[in-house]
N, C-alpha and C. Protein backbone atom coordinates (compact mmCIF):
# COMPACT_ATOMS: atom_id res chain seq x y z
N MET A 1 -47.66 -4.89 30.43
CA MET A 1 -47.27 -4.33 31.71
C MET A 1 -47.37 -2.81 31.63
N PHE A 2 -47.95 -2.19 32.57
CA PHE A 2 -48.18 -0.76 32.60
C PHE A 2 -47.21 -0.12 33.59
N LEU A 3 -46.48 0.90 33.15
CA LEU A 3 -45.55 1.60 34.03
C LEU A 3 -46.15 2.94 34.42
N SER A 4 -45.90 3.33 35.62
CA SER A 4 -46.47 4.60 36.07
C SER A 4 -45.71 5.77 35.47
N ARG A 5 -46.38 6.91 35.41
CA ARG A 5 -45.81 8.12 34.86
C ARG A 5 -44.66 8.62 35.75
N ASP A 6 -44.72 8.40 37.03
CA ASP A 6 -43.69 8.87 37.95
C ASP A 6 -42.34 8.19 37.68
N ARG A 7 -42.40 6.97 37.25
CA ARG A 7 -41.16 6.25 36.96
C ARG A 7 -40.41 6.91 35.82
N PHE A 8 -41.12 7.40 34.80
CA PHE A 8 -40.48 8.06 33.66
C PHE A 8 -39.90 9.41 34.06
N LEU A 9 -40.56 10.11 34.95
CA LEU A 9 -40.12 11.44 35.33
C LEU A 9 -38.79 11.42 36.09
N THR A 10 -38.51 10.36 36.80
CA THR A 10 -37.27 10.30 37.57
C THR A 10 -36.05 10.10 36.66
N HIS A 11 -36.23 9.63 35.44
CA HIS A 11 -35.10 9.37 34.55
C HIS A 11 -34.92 10.44 33.49
N GLU A 12 -35.73 11.46 33.49
CA GLU A 12 -35.61 12.50 32.49
C GLU A 12 -34.53 13.49 32.88
N ALA A 13 -33.88 14.04 31.89
CA ALA A 13 -32.87 15.06 32.12
C ALA A 13 -33.46 16.42 31.77
N HIS A 14 -32.95 17.45 32.41
CA HIS A 14 -33.41 18.79 32.11
C HIS A 14 -32.67 19.30 30.88
N LEU A 15 -33.40 19.62 29.82
CA LEU A 15 -32.82 20.16 28.61
C LEU A 15 -33.38 21.57 28.42
N PRO A 16 -32.53 22.54 28.15
CA PRO A 16 -33.03 23.90 27.97
C PRO A 16 -33.85 24.00 26.69
N ALA A 17 -34.89 24.81 26.72
CA ALA A 17 -35.76 24.98 25.57
C ALA A 17 -35.24 26.02 24.60
N GLN A 18 -34.30 26.84 25.04
CA GLN A 18 -33.78 27.88 24.15
C GLN A 18 -32.67 27.34 23.26
N ARG A 19 -32.58 27.89 22.05
CA ARG A 19 -31.56 27.48 21.10
C ARG A 19 -30.26 28.23 21.37
N PRO A 20 -29.14 27.58 21.09
CA PRO A 20 -27.87 28.30 21.26
C PRO A 20 -27.73 29.35 20.16
N THR A 21 -26.90 30.33 20.41
CA THR A 21 -26.66 31.37 19.41
C THR A 21 -25.93 30.75 18.22
N PRO A 22 -26.08 31.33 17.02
CA PRO A 22 -25.41 30.77 15.84
C PRO A 22 -23.90 30.78 15.95
N GLU A 23 -23.33 31.67 16.76
CA GLU A 23 -21.88 31.74 16.88
C GLU A 23 -21.30 30.64 17.77
N ALA A 24 -22.16 29.95 18.50
CA ALA A 24 -21.67 28.92 19.42
C ALA A 24 -21.10 27.76 18.61
N GLU A 25 -20.06 27.14 19.16
CA GLU A 25 -19.43 26.01 18.48
C GLU A 25 -20.35 24.80 18.49
N ALA A 26 -20.29 24.05 17.43
CA ALA A 26 -21.05 22.81 17.38
C ALA A 26 -20.38 21.80 18.30
N ARG A 27 -21.19 20.96 18.91
CA ARG A 27 -20.64 19.96 19.82
C ARG A 27 -20.51 18.63 19.10
N LEU A 28 -19.79 18.63 18.01
CA LEU A 28 -19.60 17.41 17.24
C LEU A 28 -18.15 16.97 17.36
N PRO A 29 -17.92 15.69 17.46
CA PRO A 29 -16.53 15.23 17.47
C PRO A 29 -15.91 15.50 16.11
N ARG A 30 -14.61 15.68 16.08
CA ARG A 30 -13.92 16.01 14.85
C ARG A 30 -12.84 14.97 14.55
N PRO A 31 -13.22 13.74 14.22
CA PRO A 31 -12.19 12.71 14.02
C PRO A 31 -11.41 12.86 12.74
N HIS A 32 -11.96 13.54 11.74
CA HIS A 32 -11.29 13.60 10.43
C HIS A 32 -10.66 14.95 10.15
N VAL A 33 -10.35 15.69 11.18
CA VAL A 33 -9.78 17.02 11.01
C VAL A 33 -8.27 16.90 10.88
N ASP A 34 -7.70 17.76 10.07
CA ASP A 34 -6.26 17.79 9.89
C ASP A 34 -5.59 18.15 11.22
N ALA A 35 -4.69 17.31 11.69
CA ALA A 35 -4.06 17.50 12.99
C ALA A 35 -3.18 18.75 13.03
N ARG A 36 -2.67 19.19 11.88
CA ARG A 36 -1.80 20.37 11.86
C ARG A 36 -2.58 21.66 11.84
N ARG A 37 -3.86 21.59 11.63
CA ARG A 37 -4.68 22.78 11.52
C ARG A 37 -5.09 23.27 12.91
N THR A 38 -5.13 24.58 13.07
CA THR A 38 -5.51 25.12 14.37
C THR A 38 -7.02 25.03 14.54
N ALA A 39 -7.47 25.07 15.77
CA ALA A 39 -8.91 25.00 16.05
C ALA A 39 -9.60 26.32 15.76
N ASP A 40 -8.83 27.39 15.69
CA ASP A 40 -9.40 28.71 15.44
C ASP A 40 -9.69 28.87 13.95
N PRO A 41 -10.98 29.08 13.56
CA PRO A 41 -11.29 29.19 12.14
C PRO A 41 -10.77 30.47 11.50
N GLU A 42 -10.44 31.48 12.31
CA GLU A 42 -9.95 32.74 11.76
C GLU A 42 -8.44 32.82 11.73
N ALA A 43 -7.75 31.79 12.15
CA ALA A 43 -6.30 31.79 12.17
C ALA A 43 -5.77 31.74 10.75
N ALA A 44 -4.58 32.29 10.57
CA ALA A 44 -3.95 32.28 9.25
C ALA A 44 -3.57 30.85 8.89
N PRO A 45 -3.64 30.51 7.61
CA PRO A 45 -3.27 29.14 7.23
C PRO A 45 -1.79 28.89 7.43
N HIS A 46 -1.48 27.65 7.71
CA HIS A 46 -0.09 27.24 7.92
C HIS A 46 0.64 27.29 6.59
N THR A 47 1.79 27.91 6.57
CA THR A 47 2.58 27.98 5.34
C THR A 47 3.94 27.38 5.57
N GLY A 48 4.63 27.10 4.50
CA GLY A 48 5.96 26.55 4.60
C GLY A 48 5.97 25.07 4.31
N PRO A 49 7.15 24.47 4.26
CA PRO A 49 7.24 23.05 3.93
C PRO A 49 6.66 22.18 5.04
N GLN A 50 6.06 21.11 4.64
CA GLN A 50 5.49 20.17 5.59
C GLN A 50 6.53 19.10 5.90
N ALA A 51 6.63 18.75 7.15
CA ALA A 51 7.56 17.71 7.55
C ALA A 51 6.99 16.35 7.20
N ALA A 52 7.85 15.44 6.78
CA ALA A 52 7.41 14.08 6.47
C ALA A 52 7.01 13.38 7.75
N LEU A 53 6.07 12.47 7.63
CA LEU A 53 5.57 11.75 8.80
C LEU A 53 6.34 10.46 9.05
N GLY A 54 7.48 10.30 8.44
CA GLY A 54 8.28 9.11 8.66
C GLY A 54 7.93 7.97 7.72
N VAL A 55 7.07 8.23 6.75
CA VAL A 55 6.69 7.20 5.79
C VAL A 55 7.34 7.54 4.47
N SER A 56 8.08 6.63 3.93
CA SER A 56 8.68 6.86 2.61
C SER A 56 8.13 5.82 1.65
N PHE A 57 7.77 6.28 0.49
CA PHE A 57 7.23 5.39 -0.52
C PHE A 57 8.23 5.30 -1.66
N ALA A 58 8.54 4.09 -2.04
CA ALA A 58 9.42 3.90 -3.18
C ALA A 58 8.60 4.12 -4.43
N VAL A 59 9.00 5.08 -5.21
CA VAL A 59 8.26 5.40 -6.41
C VAL A 59 8.99 4.76 -7.59
N VAL A 60 8.31 3.83 -8.22
CA VAL A 60 8.85 3.22 -9.42
C VAL A 60 8.32 4.05 -10.58
N LYS A 61 9.21 4.57 -11.39
CA LYS A 61 8.81 5.44 -12.49
C LYS A 61 7.85 4.73 -13.42
N ARG A 62 7.01 5.51 -14.08
CA ARG A 62 6.02 4.95 -15.00
C ARG A 62 6.69 4.14 -16.10
N ALA A 63 7.86 4.56 -16.53
CA ALA A 63 8.57 3.82 -17.58
C ALA A 63 9.00 2.44 -17.10
N ASN A 64 9.05 2.23 -15.79
CA ASN A 64 9.50 0.95 -15.24
C ASN A 64 8.36 0.13 -14.67
N ARG A 65 7.11 0.44 -15.03
CA ARG A 65 5.96 -0.30 -14.49
C ARG A 65 5.19 -0.98 -15.60
N LEU A 66 4.73 -2.18 -15.31
CA LEU A 66 3.74 -2.83 -16.17
C LEU A 66 2.39 -2.42 -15.64
N SER A 67 1.55 -1.88 -16.48
CA SER A 67 0.26 -1.41 -15.97
C SER A 67 -0.93 -2.00 -16.73
N ARG A 68 -0.72 -2.43 -17.95
CA ARG A 68 -1.85 -2.96 -18.73
C ARG A 68 -1.93 -4.47 -18.58
N SER A 69 -3.15 -4.97 -18.54
CA SER A 69 -3.34 -6.41 -18.35
C SER A 69 -2.79 -7.20 -19.53
N ARG A 70 -2.82 -6.63 -20.73
CA ARG A 70 -2.27 -7.38 -21.88
C ARG A 70 -0.76 -7.56 -21.76
N ASP A 71 -0.07 -6.60 -21.11
CA ASP A 71 1.37 -6.77 -20.88
C ASP A 71 1.62 -7.89 -19.87
N PHE A 72 0.81 -7.93 -18.81
CA PHE A 72 0.92 -9.02 -17.84
C PHE A 72 0.66 -10.36 -18.52
N ASP A 73 -0.39 -10.42 -19.33
CA ASP A 73 -0.74 -11.67 -20.02
C ASP A 73 0.38 -12.13 -20.93
N ALA A 74 1.01 -11.21 -21.65
CA ALA A 74 2.10 -11.57 -22.54
C ALA A 74 3.27 -12.18 -21.77
N VAL A 75 3.57 -11.60 -20.63
CA VAL A 75 4.68 -12.13 -19.81
C VAL A 75 4.32 -13.51 -19.28
N TYR A 76 3.07 -13.70 -18.82
CA TYR A 76 2.64 -15.00 -18.31
C TYR A 76 2.65 -16.07 -19.41
N ARG A 77 2.08 -15.75 -20.54
CA ARG A 77 1.90 -16.75 -21.59
C ARG A 77 3.16 -17.11 -22.35
N HIS A 78 3.98 -16.11 -22.63
CA HIS A 78 5.13 -16.35 -23.50
C HIS A 78 6.47 -16.26 -22.78
N GLY A 79 6.46 -15.85 -21.53
CA GLY A 79 7.71 -15.67 -20.82
C GLY A 79 8.22 -16.93 -20.16
N ARG A 80 9.38 -16.81 -19.61
CA ARG A 80 9.99 -17.89 -18.85
C ARG A 80 9.81 -17.58 -17.38
N SER A 81 9.98 -18.61 -16.54
CA SER A 81 9.78 -18.38 -15.11
C SER A 81 10.79 -19.14 -14.27
N VAL A 82 11.03 -18.59 -13.10
CA VAL A 82 11.82 -19.24 -12.06
C VAL A 82 11.04 -19.06 -10.77
N SER A 83 11.29 -19.93 -9.81
CA SER A 83 10.53 -19.81 -8.57
C SER A 83 11.38 -20.19 -7.37
N SER A 84 10.92 -19.71 -6.24
CA SER A 84 11.49 -20.08 -4.95
C SER A 84 10.31 -20.41 -4.04
N ARG A 85 10.57 -20.61 -2.80
CA ARG A 85 9.50 -20.97 -1.87
C ARG A 85 8.41 -19.91 -1.80
N PHE A 86 8.79 -18.62 -1.85
CA PHE A 86 7.83 -17.54 -1.64
C PHE A 86 7.57 -16.68 -2.87
N LEU A 87 8.37 -16.79 -3.93
CA LEU A 87 8.24 -15.92 -5.08
C LEU A 87 8.30 -16.69 -6.39
N VAL A 88 7.59 -16.21 -7.39
CA VAL A 88 7.69 -16.70 -8.75
C VAL A 88 7.97 -15.49 -9.62
N LEU A 89 9.01 -15.57 -10.46
CA LEU A 89 9.36 -14.45 -11.32
C LEU A 89 9.25 -14.89 -12.78
N TYR A 90 8.40 -14.19 -13.54
CA TYR A 90 8.28 -14.39 -14.97
C TYR A 90 9.00 -13.25 -15.66
N TRP A 91 9.64 -13.53 -16.80
CA TRP A 91 10.24 -12.47 -17.58
C TRP A 91 10.06 -12.77 -19.06
N PHE A 92 10.01 -11.72 -19.85
CA PHE A 92 9.76 -11.84 -21.28
C PHE A 92 10.44 -10.66 -21.97
N PRO A 93 11.15 -10.92 -23.09
CA PRO A 93 11.82 -9.81 -23.80
C PRO A 93 10.80 -8.82 -24.36
N GLN A 94 11.13 -7.56 -24.28
CA GLN A 94 10.27 -6.51 -24.83
C GLN A 94 10.39 -6.47 -26.35
N GLU A 95 9.35 -5.98 -27.02
CA GLU A 95 9.39 -5.86 -28.48
C GLU A 95 10.48 -4.88 -28.90
N GLU A 96 10.52 -3.74 -28.24
CA GLU A 96 11.57 -2.76 -28.47
C GLU A 96 12.34 -2.64 -27.16
N ALA A 97 13.60 -3.05 -27.20
CA ALA A 97 14.39 -3.08 -25.97
C ALA A 97 14.45 -1.69 -25.34
N GLY A 98 14.11 -1.66 -24.08
CA GLY A 98 14.13 -0.41 -23.31
C GLY A 98 14.45 -0.72 -21.87
N SER A 99 14.11 0.20 -21.01
CA SER A 99 14.37 -0.02 -19.59
C SER A 99 13.46 -1.14 -19.08
N PRO A 100 13.91 -1.88 -18.08
CA PRO A 100 13.10 -3.00 -17.57
C PRO A 100 11.80 -2.49 -16.96
N ARG A 101 10.72 -3.26 -17.14
CA ARG A 101 9.43 -2.92 -16.56
C ARG A 101 9.01 -4.03 -15.61
N PHE A 102 8.37 -3.64 -14.52
CA PHE A 102 8.01 -4.58 -13.47
C PHE A 102 6.53 -4.54 -13.19
N GLY A 103 5.99 -5.69 -12.81
CA GLY A 103 4.62 -5.80 -12.35
C GLY A 103 4.60 -6.76 -11.17
N PHE A 104 3.68 -6.54 -10.26
CA PHE A 104 3.57 -7.39 -9.08
C PHE A 104 2.18 -7.99 -9.04
N SER A 105 2.11 -9.24 -8.64
CA SER A 105 0.84 -9.92 -8.48
C SER A 105 0.82 -10.54 -7.09
N VAL A 106 -0.13 -10.07 -6.28
CA VAL A 106 -0.26 -10.57 -4.92
C VAL A 106 -1.69 -11.09 -4.78
N PRO A 107 -1.89 -12.40 -4.86
CA PRO A 107 -3.24 -12.96 -4.83
C PRO A 107 -3.89 -12.84 -3.45
N LYS A 108 -5.20 -13.00 -3.44
CA LYS A 108 -5.95 -12.88 -2.18
C LYS A 108 -5.59 -13.96 -1.19
N SER A 109 -5.03 -15.06 -1.66
CA SER A 109 -4.63 -16.13 -0.74
C SER A 109 -3.48 -15.71 0.17
N VAL A 110 -2.80 -14.62 -0.18
CA VAL A 110 -1.69 -14.12 0.64
C VAL A 110 -2.21 -13.44 1.90
N GLY A 111 -3.37 -12.79 1.80
CA GLY A 111 -3.93 -12.11 2.96
C GLY A 111 -4.95 -11.08 2.54
N GLY A 112 -5.34 -10.26 3.48
CA GLY A 112 -6.31 -9.20 3.22
C GLY A 112 -5.68 -8.06 2.44
N ALA A 113 -6.48 -7.06 2.12
CA ALA A 113 -6.01 -5.94 1.31
C ALA A 113 -4.86 -5.19 1.97
N VAL A 114 -4.92 -5.02 3.27
CA VAL A 114 -3.85 -4.31 3.97
C VAL A 114 -2.54 -5.07 3.85
N GLU A 115 -2.61 -6.37 4.05
CA GLU A 115 -1.40 -7.21 3.96
C GLU A 115 -0.85 -7.22 2.53
N ARG A 116 -1.72 -7.34 1.55
CA ARG A 116 -1.28 -7.36 0.15
C ARG A 116 -0.65 -6.03 -0.25
N ASN A 117 -1.24 -4.93 0.15
CA ASN A 117 -0.68 -3.62 -0.19
C ASN A 117 0.65 -3.39 0.51
N ARG A 118 0.78 -3.87 1.74
CA ARG A 118 2.05 -3.71 2.47
C ARG A 118 3.17 -4.46 1.74
N ILE A 119 2.90 -5.68 1.33
CA ILE A 119 3.95 -6.46 0.67
C ILE A 119 4.28 -5.85 -0.69
N LYS A 120 3.30 -5.28 -1.38
CA LYS A 120 3.58 -4.61 -2.66
C LYS A 120 4.47 -3.38 -2.45
N ARG A 121 4.21 -2.62 -1.40
CA ARG A 121 5.07 -1.46 -1.12
C ARG A 121 6.49 -1.90 -0.84
N GLN A 122 6.64 -2.97 -0.06
CA GLN A 122 7.97 -3.46 0.26
C GLN A 122 8.68 -3.96 -1.00
N LEU A 123 7.95 -4.67 -1.85
CA LEU A 123 8.57 -5.17 -3.08
C LEU A 123 8.95 -4.03 -4.02
N ARG A 124 8.13 -2.98 -4.08
CA ARG A 124 8.49 -1.82 -4.92
C ARG A 124 9.80 -1.21 -4.44
N GLU A 125 9.96 -1.12 -3.14
CA GLU A 125 11.21 -0.56 -2.61
C GLU A 125 12.40 -1.45 -2.93
N VAL A 126 12.22 -2.76 -2.82
CA VAL A 126 13.30 -3.69 -3.15
C VAL A 126 13.68 -3.55 -4.63
N TRP A 127 12.67 -3.51 -5.51
CA TRP A 127 12.96 -3.39 -6.95
C TRP A 127 13.61 -2.05 -7.26
N GLN A 128 13.19 -0.99 -6.61
CA GLN A 128 13.79 0.33 -6.86
C GLN A 128 15.27 0.31 -6.53
N GLN A 129 15.64 -0.39 -5.46
CA GLN A 129 17.05 -0.48 -5.07
C GLN A 129 17.87 -1.31 -6.05
N ARG A 130 17.23 -2.26 -6.74
CA ARG A 130 17.94 -3.16 -7.64
C ARG A 130 17.74 -2.83 -9.11
N LEU A 131 17.16 -1.71 -9.41
CA LEU A 131 16.81 -1.36 -10.79
C LEU A 131 18.02 -1.33 -11.70
N ASP A 132 19.15 -0.84 -11.21
CA ASP A 132 20.36 -0.76 -12.04
C ASP A 132 20.96 -2.12 -12.31
N ALA A 133 20.73 -3.09 -11.43
CA ALA A 133 21.33 -4.41 -11.58
C ALA A 133 20.49 -5.34 -12.45
N VAL A 134 19.26 -4.94 -12.79
CA VAL A 134 18.37 -5.80 -13.57
C VAL A 134 18.63 -5.57 -15.06
N ALA A 135 18.66 -6.65 -15.82
CA ALA A 135 18.94 -6.56 -17.26
C ALA A 135 17.85 -5.77 -17.97
N ALA A 136 18.26 -4.86 -18.83
CA ALA A 136 17.32 -4.05 -19.59
C ALA A 136 16.74 -4.88 -20.74
N GLY A 137 15.61 -4.42 -21.27
CA GLY A 137 15.01 -5.09 -22.41
C GLY A 137 14.04 -6.20 -22.05
N ASN A 138 13.70 -6.33 -20.79
CA ASN A 138 12.78 -7.38 -20.35
C ASN A 138 11.63 -6.78 -19.55
N ASP A 139 10.49 -7.48 -19.60
CA ASP A 139 9.36 -7.21 -18.71
C ASP A 139 9.35 -8.30 -17.65
N TYR A 140 9.10 -7.92 -16.41
CA TYR A 140 9.10 -8.86 -15.29
C TYR A 140 7.78 -8.81 -14.55
N VAL A 141 7.30 -9.97 -14.12
CA VAL A 141 6.15 -10.05 -13.23
C VAL A 141 6.55 -10.92 -12.05
N LEU A 142 6.42 -10.37 -10.87
CA LEU A 142 6.77 -11.08 -9.64
C LEU A 142 5.49 -11.47 -8.94
N ILE A 143 5.31 -12.76 -8.70
CA ILE A 143 4.12 -13.27 -8.04
C ILE A 143 4.50 -13.72 -6.63
N VAL A 144 3.71 -13.27 -5.68
CA VAL A 144 3.94 -13.60 -4.28
C VAL A 144 3.14 -14.85 -3.93
N ARG A 145 3.78 -15.75 -3.22
CA ARG A 145 3.10 -16.96 -2.75
C ARG A 145 2.67 -16.77 -1.29
N PRO A 146 1.65 -17.53 -0.87
CA PRO A 146 1.20 -17.41 0.53
C PRO A 146 2.34 -17.71 1.51
N GLY A 147 2.34 -16.98 2.60
CA GLY A 147 3.36 -17.17 3.64
C GLY A 147 4.44 -16.10 3.61
N LEU A 148 4.57 -15.38 2.50
CA LEU A 148 5.63 -14.37 2.42
C LEU A 148 5.46 -13.24 3.43
N PRO A 149 4.27 -12.66 3.59
CA PRO A 149 4.17 -11.57 4.57
C PRO A 149 4.57 -11.98 5.99
N GLU A 150 4.19 -13.18 6.38
CA GLU A 150 4.57 -13.65 7.72
C GLU A 150 6.07 -13.85 7.82
N ALA A 151 6.68 -14.38 6.76
CA ALA A 151 8.13 -14.60 6.76
C ALA A 151 8.88 -13.27 6.80
N VAL A 152 8.39 -12.26 6.08
CA VAL A 152 9.03 -10.94 6.10
C VAL A 152 8.90 -10.32 7.50
N ALA A 153 7.73 -10.48 8.11
CA ALA A 153 7.54 -9.95 9.46
C ALA A 153 8.49 -10.62 10.45
N ALA A 154 8.75 -11.91 10.27
CA ALA A 154 9.62 -12.64 11.19
C ALA A 154 11.10 -12.40 10.92
N ASN A 155 11.46 -12.25 9.63
CA ASN A 155 12.89 -12.19 9.26
C ASN A 155 13.39 -10.81 8.89
N GLY A 156 12.51 -9.87 8.59
CA GLY A 156 12.94 -8.50 8.30
C GLY A 156 12.98 -8.18 6.81
N PHE A 157 13.12 -6.89 6.54
CA PHE A 157 13.10 -6.37 5.17
C PHE A 157 14.31 -6.84 4.37
N ASP A 158 15.47 -6.92 5.01
CA ASP A 158 16.68 -7.37 4.29
C ASP A 158 16.52 -8.80 3.80
N TRP A 159 15.80 -9.61 4.55
CA TRP A 159 15.54 -10.99 4.14
C TRP A 159 14.73 -11.01 2.84
N LEU A 160 13.75 -10.11 2.72
CA LEU A 160 12.96 -10.02 1.49
C LEU A 160 13.85 -9.66 0.31
N GLY A 161 14.75 -8.72 0.52
CA GLY A 161 15.70 -8.37 -0.55
C GLY A 161 16.54 -9.55 -0.98
N ALA A 162 16.95 -10.38 -0.03
CA ALA A 162 17.75 -11.57 -0.37
C ALA A 162 16.91 -12.56 -1.18
N ARG A 163 15.61 -12.70 -0.88
CA ARG A 163 14.74 -13.60 -1.66
C ARG A 163 14.56 -13.10 -3.09
N VAL A 164 14.44 -11.79 -3.25
CA VAL A 164 14.33 -11.23 -4.60
C VAL A 164 15.65 -11.43 -5.35
N ASP A 165 16.76 -11.25 -4.66
CA ASP A 165 18.07 -11.49 -5.30
C ASP A 165 18.21 -12.93 -5.76
N GLU A 166 17.66 -13.88 -4.99
CA GLU A 166 17.72 -15.30 -5.39
C GLU A 166 17.03 -15.54 -6.73
N VAL A 167 15.81 -15.01 -6.89
CA VAL A 167 15.10 -15.25 -8.15
C VAL A 167 15.76 -14.50 -9.30
N LEU A 168 16.35 -13.34 -9.03
CA LEU A 168 17.07 -12.62 -10.09
C LEU A 168 18.29 -13.40 -10.53
N GLU A 169 19.00 -14.01 -9.58
CA GLU A 169 20.16 -14.84 -9.94
C GLU A 169 19.73 -16.02 -10.81
N GLN A 170 18.58 -16.61 -10.49
CA GLN A 170 18.08 -17.73 -11.28
C GLN A 170 17.74 -17.29 -12.71
N THR A 171 17.26 -16.07 -12.88
CA THR A 171 16.98 -15.58 -14.25
C THR A 171 18.27 -15.42 -15.04
N ARG A 172 19.31 -14.94 -14.38
CA ARG A 172 20.61 -14.77 -15.08
C ARG A 172 21.18 -16.13 -15.47
N ALA A 173 21.00 -17.13 -14.60
CA ALA A 173 21.51 -18.47 -14.90
C ALA A 173 20.71 -19.14 -16.02
N ALA A 174 19.41 -18.86 -16.07
CA ALA A 174 18.55 -19.48 -17.06
C ALA A 174 18.66 -18.80 -18.43
N ALA A 175 19.16 -17.58 -18.47
CA ALA A 175 19.21 -16.84 -19.74
C ALA A 175 20.31 -17.28 -20.65
């Protein structure tokens, strides 16, 4: 099919042939720009303390974390376990008794990466609150079962703390 040249001319836009000056701003969207930064490139940098954005992260100290896979394996293979509907807790005595160390395992069957990371953050906060009540000299691995993120969303953060308290009580009874 052949189209006439006149048809193309009616849909063309007029574009100037001259280039903009180098000082002119680029017409690019800026989706990844720091929201606190001013649009003026010559403005003085912002100084002073930054306000929190309302997000708090529970930081579990390095001394209280299981980070090596061989430590996780030792707890799985040689430790004892208790379970509830949504959680499985393994524990194993440390070679040299020290402060309790924790590890979390959230399998892909629980959900996508966002869901798994959210539940890990929530569990870290729960463990941080209960760190003084946990017996020293043990390594712990908490495994999340499918359905926990939905149950936490329906029942709230305090409900998650109560589920963790249940498995901790079972460890005290089994010891």
